[in-house]
Amino acid sequence: AKTQLQIYHDKQQKQQQQQQNDDNKKRKKKKKDGGSSSINLKMLLLKPNSGVFHYGPSLIEHCILCANLPPHTKFTLDTLEDVVASLSSWDDLISSLKAEGSRILENFDCGDGKGFILYREKETLGPNTNETNTKATSSALSDAIKKMPHSDKVFEEFQPHLLKQHEDRPRLIYDNFSMAIDEFYSLMEGQKRAIRAEAAEHAARERLEKIRKDQSKRMEGLEIE
């Protein structure tokens, strides 16, 4: 079985690879369109020659935000020197990368700290306007979904630390990272199935409502004739 550190590193590497793939696609599109290639501070620090690319995208963004700098401000390679010179908190960024990056990685290696699951509130599908159809929906499905733990939430990711960019996001807190991982994967698949089932049921109810309205219009037309 993988250790917590291996799981976290695998997750960061996957995010980093996805970020690089997205960046490559954007550069190719820019080149195709004849525009100059742009980059942002986060993308710059994710490059292998930055010295901190092994932090991964999440931790790098955290360090940038701790230095009160915008991670997504874009600039071109031609204007890089001017941008760097204009950043009054550049020294703060260097300090943050050293202090915050080292602190978080050391705490994680030692197994210190709690675990977090970040989530969003599940969107409520619009109610059916027809009361009869609403009452006729599958109560068994609704009851089964409501009995699921955290049925009102959609899990998005797990983290061993609450990073700066996560401070305002809703979250569940666990005593350790292992508990967060176990809870995330044990409920994730069930949540996906529940969301698909609810969407399918909602679509079916909308189709029935449309049929009902069409029939009602036809009846009204026949009565007029």
C-alpha atoms as a PDB file:
ATOM      1  CA  ALA A   1       0.000   0.000   0.000  1.00  0.00           C
ATOM      2  CA  LYS A   2       1.153   3.523  -0.746  1.00  0.00           C
ATOM      3  CA  THR A   3       2.215   5.772   2.124  1.00  0.00           C
ATOM      4  CA  GLN A   4       0.601   9.162   2.747  1.00  0.00           C
ATOM      5  CA  LEU A   5       3.681  10.865   1.326  1.00  0.00           C
ATOM      6  CA  GLN A   6       3.578   8.779  -1.861  1.00  0.00           C
ATOM      7  CA  ILE A   7      -0.126   9.475  -2.344  1.00  0.00           C
ATOM      8  CA  TYR A   8       0.395  13.204  -1.885  1.00  0.00           C
ATOM      9  CA  HIS A   9       3.417  13.297  -4.195  1.00  0.00           C
ATOM     10  CA  ASP A  10       1.542  11.292  -6.853  1.00  0.00           C
ATOM     11  CA  LYS A  11      -1.323  13.777  -6.625  1.00  0.00           C
ATOM     12  CA  GLN A  12       1.034  16.754  -6.955  1.00  0.00           C
ATOM     13  CA  GLN A  13       2.880  15.182  -9.898  1.00  0.00           C
ATOM     14  CA  LYS A  14      -0.405  14.510 -11.666  1.00  0.00           C
ATOM     15  CA  GLN A  15      -1.496  18.131 -11.144  1.00  0.00           C
ATOM     16  CA  GLN A  16       1.907  19.365 -12.293  1.00  0.00           C
ATOM     17  CA  GLN A  17       1.795  17.241 -15.451  1.00  0.00           C
ATOM     18  CA  GLN A  18      -1.722  18.449 -16.204  1.00  0.00           C
ATOM     19  CA  GLN A  19      -0.603  22.051 -15.686  1.00  0.00           C
ATOM     20  CA  GLN A  20       2.330  21.569 -18.063  1.00  0.00           C
ATOM     21  CA  ASN A  21       0.081  19.949 -20.677  1.00  0.00           C
ATOM     22  CA  ASP A  22      -2.363  22.852 -20.425  1.00  0.00           C
ATOM     23  CA  ASP A  23       0.501  25.343 -20.715  1.00  0.00           C
ATOM     24  CA  ASN A  24       1.860  23.583 -23.807  1.00  0.00           C
ATOM     25  CA  LYS A  25      -1.558  23.676 -25.449  1.00  0.00           C
ATOM     26  CA  LYS A  26      -1.891  27.385 -24.720  1.00  0.00           C
ATOM     27  CA  ARG A  27       1.568  28.112 -26.123  1.00  0.00           C
ATOM     28  CA  LYS A  28       0.822  26.156 -29.280  1.00  0.00           C
ATOM     29  CA  LYS A  29      -2.443  28.035 -29.728  1.00  0.00           C
ATOM     30  CA  LYS A  30      -0.704  31.370 -29.217  1.00  0.00           C
ATOM     31  CA  LYS A  31       1.958  30.443 -31.740  1.00  0.00           C
ATOM     32  CA  LYS A  32      -0.673  29.312 -34.224  1.00  0.00           C
ATOM     33  CA  ASP A  33      -2.585  32.557 -33.777  1.00  0.00           C
ATOM     34  CA  GLY A  34       0.599  34.552 -34.300  1.00  0.00           C
ATOM     35  CA  GLY A  35       0.617  36.026 -30.788  1.00  0.00           C
ATOM     36  CA  SER A  36       3.481  36.158 -28.296  1.00  0.00           C
ATOM     37  CA  SER A  37       3.597  33.443 -25.650  1.00  0.00           C
ATOM     38  CA  SER A  38       2.579  34.605 -22.178  1.00  0.00           C
ATOM     39  CA  ILE A  39       3.199  33.073 -18.781  1.00  0.00           C
ATOM     40  CA  ASN A  40       2.233  33.798 -15.185  1.00  0.00           C
ATOM     41  CA  LEU A  41       4.221  33.655 -11.954  1.00  0.00           C
ATOM     42  CA  LYS A  42       2.866  30.267 -10.944  1.00  0.00           C
ATOM     43  CA  MET A  43       3.691  28.756 -14.346  1.00  0.00           C
ATOM     44  CA  LEU A  44       7.175  30.280 -14.173  1.00  0.00           C
ATOM     45  CA  LEU A  45       7.931  28.653 -10.814  1.00  0.00           C
ATOM     46  CA  LEU A  46       6.647  25.299 -12.078  1.00  0.00           C
ATOM     47  CA  LYS A  47       9.403  25.161 -14.668  1.00  0.00           C
ATOM     48  CA  PRO A  48      12.137  22.572 -13.904  1.00  0.00           C
ATOM     49  CA  ASN A  49      14.855  25.226 -13.729  1.00  0.00           C
ATOM     50  CA  SER A  50      13.025  27.305 -11.109  1.00  0.00           C
ATOM     51  CA  GLY A  51      14.522  25.366  -8.201  1.00  0.00           C
ATOM     52  CA  VAL A  52      11.121  24.896  -6.533  1.00  0.00           C
ATOM     53  CA  PHE A  53       9.128  23.094  -9.232  1.00  0.00           C
ATOM     54  CA  HIS A  54       9.117  19.964  -7.021  1.00  0.00           C
ATOM     55  CA  TYR A  55       6.762  21.814  -4.644  1.00  0.00           C
ATOM     56  CA  GLY A  56       3.931  21.201  -7.081  1.00  0.00           C
ATOM     57  CA  PRO A  57       1.222  23.663  -8.199  1.00  0.00           C
ATOM     58  CA  SER A  58      -0.738  23.800  -4.927  1.00  0.00           C
ATOM     59  CA  LEU A  59       2.189  24.584  -2.647  1.00  0.00           C
ATOM     60  CA  ILE A  60       3.704  27.070  -5.102  1.00  0.00           C
ATOM     61  CA  GLU A  61       0.420  28.955  -5.315  1.00  0.00           C
ATOM     62  CA  HIS A  62       0.257  28.981  -1.508  1.00  0.00           C
ATOM     63  CA  CYS A  63       3.747  30.522  -1.254  1.00  0.00           C
ATOM     64  CA  ILE A  64       2.932  33.179  -3.856  1.00  0.00           C
ATOM     65  CA  LEU A  65      -0.249  34.169  -2.040  1.00  0.00           C
ATOM     66  CA  CYS A  66       1.588  34.290   1.310  1.00  0.00           C
ATOM     67  CA  ALA A  67       3.870  36.891  -0.273  1.00  0.00           C
ATOM     68  CA  ASN A  68       0.773  38.918  -1.287  1.00  0.00           C
ATOM     69  CA  LEU A  69       1.505  38.441  -4.983  1.00  0.00           C
ATOM     70  CA  PRO A  70      -0.977  37.518  -7.744  1.00  0.00           C
ATOM     71  CA  PRO A  71      -0.151  33.997  -8.998  1.00  0.00           C
ATOM     72  CA  HIS A  72      -2.031  34.361 -12.282  1.00  0.00           C
ATOM     73  CA  THR A  73      -0.887  37.773 -13.549  1.00  0.00           C
ATOM     74  CA  LYS A  74       0.334  37.169 -17.104  1.00  0.00           C
ATOM     75  CA  PHE A  75       3.430  38.556 -18.766  1.00  0.00           C
ATOM     76  CA  THR A  76       5.611  37.687 -21.742  1.00  0.00           C
ATOM     77  CA  LEU A  77       9.241  36.635 -21.623  1.00  0.00           C
ATOM     78  CA  ASP A  78      10.127  39.993 -23.199  1.00  0.00           C
ATOM     79  CA  THR A  79       8.579  41.898 -20.292  1.00  0.00           C
ATOM     80  CA  LEU A  80       9.712  39.505 -17.535  1.00  0.00           C
ATOM     81  CA  GLU A  81      12.498  41.751 -16.248  1.00  0.00           C
ATOM     82  CA  ASP A  82      10.205  44.760 -16.030  1.00  0.00           C
ATOM     83  CA  VAL A  83       7.560  42.753 -14.178  1.00  0.00           C
ATOM     84  CA  VAL A  84      10.064  41.330 -11.699  1.00  0.00           C
ATOM     85  CA  ALA A  85      11.470  44.814 -11.051  1.00  0.00           C
ATOM     86  CA  SER A  86       7.975  46.159 -10.403  1.00  0.00           C
ATOM     87  CA  LEU A  87       7.095  43.495  -7.839  1.00  0.00           C
ATOM     88  CA  SER A  88       7.650  45.192  -4.490  1.00  0.00           C
ATOM     89  CA  SER A  89       7.142  41.881  -2.685  1.00  0.00           C
ATOM     90  CA  TRP A  90       9.682  39.878  -4.693  1.00  0.00           C
ATOM     91  CA  ASP A  91      11.895  39.442  -1.603  1.00  0.00           C
ATOM     92  CA  ASP A  92       8.820  38.311   0.307  1.00  0.00           C
ATOM     93  CA  LEU A  93       8.230  35.648  -2.339  1.00  0.00           C
ATOM     94  CA  ILE A  94      11.759  34.297  -1.958  1.00  0.00           C
ATOM     95  CA  SER A  95      11.310  34.191   1.817  1.00  0.00           C
ATOM     96  CA  SER A  96       7.907  32.541   1.482  1.00  0.00           C
ATOM     97  CA  LEU A  97       9.218  29.849  -0.859  1.00  0.00           C
ATOM     98  CA  LYS A  98      11.973  29.062   1.615  1.00  0.00           C
ATOM     99  CA  ALA A  99      10.016  29.284   4.864  1.00  0.00           C
ATOM    100  CA  GLU A 100       6.482  28.181   3.942  1.00  0.00           C
ATOM    101  CA  GLY A 101       7.565  25.552   1.435  1.00  0.00           C
ATOM    102  CA  SER A 102      10.063  23.964   3.808  1.00  0.00           C
ATOM    103  CA  ARG A 103       7.690  24.138   6.784  1.00  0.00           C
ATOM    104  CA  ILE A 104       4.812  22.425   5.033  1.00  0.00           C
ATOM    105  CA  LEU A 105       6.948  19.699   3.485  1.00  0.00           C
ATOM    106  CA  GLU A 106       8.700  19.008   6.791  1.00  0.00           C
ATOM    107  CA  ASN A 107       5.401  18.824   8.671  1.00  0.00           C
ATOM    108  CA  PHE A 108       4.042  16.434   6.081  1.00  0.00           C
ATOM    109  CA  ASP A 109       7.138  14.210   6.210  1.00  0.00           C
ATOM    110  CA  CYS A 110       6.762  14.042   9.992  1.00  0.00           C
ATOM    111  CA  GLY A 111       3.072  13.166   9.721  1.00  0.00           C
ATOM    112  CA  ASP A 112       2.064  16.235  11.733  1.00  0.00           C
ATOM    113  CA  GLY A 113      -1.180  18.067  11.190  1.00  0.00           C
ATOM    114  CA  LYS A 114      -4.718  17.246  10.228  1.00  0.00           C
ATOM    115  CA  GLY A 115      -6.397  16.176   7.007  1.00  0.00           C
ATOM    116  CA  PHE A 116      -8.865  18.191   4.954  1.00  0.00           C
ATOM    117  CA  ILE A 117     -11.479  17.438   2.308  1.00  0.00           C
ATOM    118  CA  LEU A 118     -12.469  20.423   0.185  1.00  0.00           C
ATOM    119  CA  TYR A 119     -15.952  20.352  -1.274  1.00  0.00           C
ATOM    120  CA  ARG A 120     -18.656  22.442  -2.895  1.00  0.00           C
ATOM    121  CA  GLU A 121     -22.305  22.501  -1.963  1.00  0.00           C
ATOM    122  CA  LYS A 122     -24.322  20.257  -4.228  1.00  0.00           C
ATOM    123  CA  GLU A 123     -26.524  22.178  -6.618  1.00  0.00           C
ATOM    124  CA  THR A 124     -30.218  21.651  -6.118  1.00  0.00           C
ATOM    125  CA  LEU A 125     -31.930  20.743  -9.349  1.00  0.00           C
ATOM    126  CA  GLY A 126     -34.811  23.022 -10.195  1.00  0.00           C
ATOM    127  CA  PRO A 127     -38.159  21.888  -8.825  1.00  0.00           C
ATOM    128  CA  ASN A 128     -40.751  20.538 -11.214  1.00  0.00           C
ATOM    129  CA  THR A 129     -43.599  22.983 -11.614  1.00  0.00           C
ATOM    130  CA  ASN A 130     -46.214  20.228 -11.701  1.00  0.00           C
ATOM    131  CA  GLU A 131     -47.166  19.154  -8.181  1.00  0.00           C
ATOM    132  CA  THR A 132     -48.480  15.750  -9.267  1.00  0.00           C
ATOM    133  CA  ASN A 133     -45.269  14.865 -11.060  1.00  0.00           C
ATOM    134  CA  THR A 134     -43.220  16.125  -8.126  1.00  0.00           C
ATOM    135  CA  LYS A 135     -45.045  13.821  -5.728  1.00  0.00           C
ATOM    136  CA  ALA A 136     -44.624  10.943  -8.144  1.00  0.00           C
ATOM    137  CA  THR A 137     -40.815  11.090  -8.172  1.00  0.00           C
ATOM    138  CA  SER A 138     -38.896   8.145  -6.855  1.00  0.00           C
ATOM    139  CA  SER A 139     -38.955   8.501  -3.079  1.00  0.00           C
ATOM    140  CA  ALA A 140     -36.756   5.416  -2.803  1.00  0.00           C
ATOM    141  CA  LEU A 141     -33.947   7.127  -4.726  1.00  0.00           C
ATOM    142  CA  SER A 142     -34.287  10.352  -2.740  1.00  0.00           C
ATOM    143  CA  ASP A 143     -34.286   8.510   0.575  1.00  0.00           C
ATOM    144  CA  ALA A 144     -31.239   6.451  -0.415  1.00  0.00           C
ATOM    145  CA  ILE A 145     -29.287   9.561  -1.391  1.00  0.00           C
ATOM    146  CA  LYS A 146     -30.237  11.419   1.777  1.00  0.00           C
ATOM    147  CA  LYS A 147     -28.978   8.510   3.885  1.00  0.00           C
ATOM    148  CA  MET A 148     -25.505   8.787   2.332  1.00  0.00           C
ATOM    149  CA  PRO A 149     -22.977  10.626   4.527  1.00  0.00           C
ATOM    150  CA  HIS A 150     -22.435  14.197   3.308  1.00  0.00           C
ATOM    151  CA  SER A 151     -25.122  13.792   0.646  1.00  0.00           C
ATOM    152  CA  ASP A 152     -25.390  17.598   0.389  1.00  0.00           C
ATOM    153  CA  LYS A 153     -21.735  17.946  -0.643  1.00  0.00           C
ATOM    154  CA  VAL A 154     -19.596  17.212  -3.699  1.00  0.00           C
ATOM    155  CA  PHE A 155     -16.052  16.255  -2.753  1.00  0.00           C
ATOM    156  CA  GLU A 156     -13.388  17.946  -4.905  1.00  0.00           C
ATOM    157  CA  GLU A 157      -9.981  17.210  -3.370  1.00  0.00           C
ATOM    158  CA  PHE A 158      -8.137  16.216  -0.215  1.00  0.00           C
ATOM    159  CA  GLN A 159      -5.199  18.053   1.331  1.00  0.00           C
ATOM    160  CA  PRO A 160      -2.805  17.392   4.225  1.00  0.00           C
ATOM    161  CA  HIS A 161      -2.621  21.137   4.929  1.00  0.00           C
ATOM    162  CA  LEU A 162      -4.997  24.061   4.641  1.00  0.00           C
ATOM    163  CA  LEU A 163      -3.210  26.208   2.078  1.00  0.00           C
ATOM    164  CA  LYS A 164      -3.732  29.918   1.539  1.00  0.00           C
ATOM    165  CA  GLN A 165      -5.927  29.453  -1.549  1.00  0.00           C
ATOM    166  CA  HIS A 166      -8.176  27.081   0.388  1.00  0.00           C
ATOM    167  CA  GLU A 167      -8.923  29.315   3.385  1.00  0.00           C
ATOM    168  CA  ASP A 168     -12.303  30.517   2.106  1.00  0.00           C
ATOM    169  CA  ARG A 169     -13.433  27.184   0.694  1.00  0.00           C
ATOM    170  CA  PRO A 170     -15.828  24.903   2.613  1.00  0.00           C
ATOM    171  CA  ARG A 171     -14.036  21.912   4.091  1.00  0.00           C
ATOM    172  CA  LEU A 172     -14.233  18.917   6.371  1.00  0.00           C
ATOM    173  CA  ILE A 173     -11.492  18.500   8.968  1.00  0.00           C
ATOM    174  CA  TYR A 174     -10.091  15.148  10.117  1.00  0.00           C
ATOM    175  CA  ASP A 175      -7.667  14.176  12.855  1.00  0.00           C
ATOM    176  CA  ASN A 176      -5.074  13.056  10.308  1.00  0.00           C
ATOM    177  CA  PHE A 177      -4.459  12.846   6.568  1.00  0.00           C
ATOM    178  CA  SER A 178      -5.136   9.093   6.389  1.00  0.00           C
ATOM    179  CA  MET A 179      -8.695   9.593   7.650  1.00  0.00           C
ATOM    180  CA  ALA A 180      -9.286  12.289   5.032  1.00  0.00           C
ATOM    181  CA  ILE A 181      -8.021  10.022   2.225  1.00  0.00           C
ATOM    182  CA  ASP A 182     -10.138   7.068   3.392  1.00  0.00           C
ATOM    183  CA  GLU A 183     -13.277   9.194   3.664  1.00  0.00           C
ATOM    184  CA  PHE A 184     -12.679  10.844   0.287  1.00  0.00           C
ATOM    185  CA  TYR A 185     -12.314   7.630  -1.695  1.00  0.00           C
ATOM    186  CA  SER A 186     -14.964   5.690   0.216  1.00  0.00           C
ATOM    187  CA  LEU A 187     -17.638   8.297  -0.571  1.00  0.00           C
ATOM    188  CA  MET A 188     -16.451   9.712  -3.897  1.00  0.00           C
ATOM    189  CA  GLU A 189     -17.817   6.961  -6.131  1.00  0.00           C
ATOM    190  CA  GLY A 190     -21.143   6.889  -4.304  1.00  0.00           C
ATOM    191  CA  GLN A 191     -21.473  10.649  -4.733  1.00  0.00           C
ATOM    192  CA  LYS A 192     -20.820  10.378  -8.465  1.00  0.00           C
ATOM    193  CA  ARG A 193     -23.484   7.680  -8.846  1.00  0.00           C
ATOM    194  CA  ALA A 194     -25.974   9.716  -6.827  1.00  0.00           C
ATOM    195  CA  ILE A 195     -25.361  12.842  -8.941  1.00  0.00           C
ATOM    196  CA  ARG A 196     -25.840  10.878 -12.173  1.00  0.00           C
ATOM    197  CA  ALA A 197     -29.027   9.274 -10.843  1.00  0.00           C
ATOM    198  CA  GLU A 198     -30.463  12.617  -9.730  1.00  0.00           C
ATOM    199  CA  ALA A 199     -29.617  14.234 -13.078  1.00  0.00           C
ATOM    200  CA  ALA A 200     -31.262  11.374 -14.976  1.00  0.00           C
ATOM    201  CA  GLU A 201     -34.374  11.571 -12.809  1.00  0.00           C
ATOM    202  CA  HIS A 202     -34.567  15.344 -13.235  1.00  0.00           C
ATOM    203  CA  ALA A 203     -34.233  15.026 -17.021  1.00  0.00           C
ATOM    204  CA  ALA A 204     -37.008  12.403 -17.091  1.00  0.00           C
ATOM    205  CA  ARG A 205     -39.303  14.671 -15.067  1.00  0.00           C
ATOM    206  CA  GLU A 206     -38.621  17.561 -17.434  1.00  0.00           C
ATOM    207  CA  ARG A 207     -39.505  15.400 -20.435  1.00  0.00           C
ATOM    208  CA  LEU A 208     -42.746  14.303 -18.775  1.00  0.00           C
ATOM    209  CA  GLU A 209     -43.613  17.894 -17.962  1.00  0.00           C
ATOM    210  CA  LYS A 210     -42.992  18.913 -21.568  1.00  0.00           C
ATOM    211  CA  ILE A 211     -45.242  16.107 -22.813  1.00  0.00           C
ATOM    212  CA  ARG A 212     -47.940  17.133 -20.327  1.00  0.00           C
ATOM    213  CA  LYS A 213     -47.834  20.748 -21.518  1.00  0.00           C
ATOM    214  CA  ASP A 214     -47.986  19.684 -25.176  1.00  0.00           C
ATOM    215  CA  GLN A 215     -51.011  17.498 -24.491  1.00  0.00           C
ATOM    216  CA  SER A 216     -52.679  20.309 -22.566  1.00  0.00           C
ATOM    217  CA  LYS A 217     -52.195  22.713 -25.498  1.00  0.00           C
ATOM    218  CA  ARG A 218     -53.625  20.167 -27.921  1.00  0.00           C
ATOM    219  CA  MET A 219     -56.676  19.637 -25.720  1.00  0.00           C
ATOM    220  CA  GLU A 220     -57.230  23.390 -25.520  1.00  0.00           C
ATOM    221  CA  GLY A 221     -56.996  23.564 -29.326  1.00  0.00           C
ATOM    222  CA  LEU A 222     -59.564  20.811 -29.752  1.00  0.00           C
ATOM    223  CA  GLU A 223     -61.954  22.504 -27.341  1.00  0.00           C
ATOM    224  CA  ILE A 224     -61.704  25.767 -29.317  1.00  0.00           C
ATOM    225  CA  GLU A 225     -62.480  23.936 -32.551  1.00  0.00           C
END
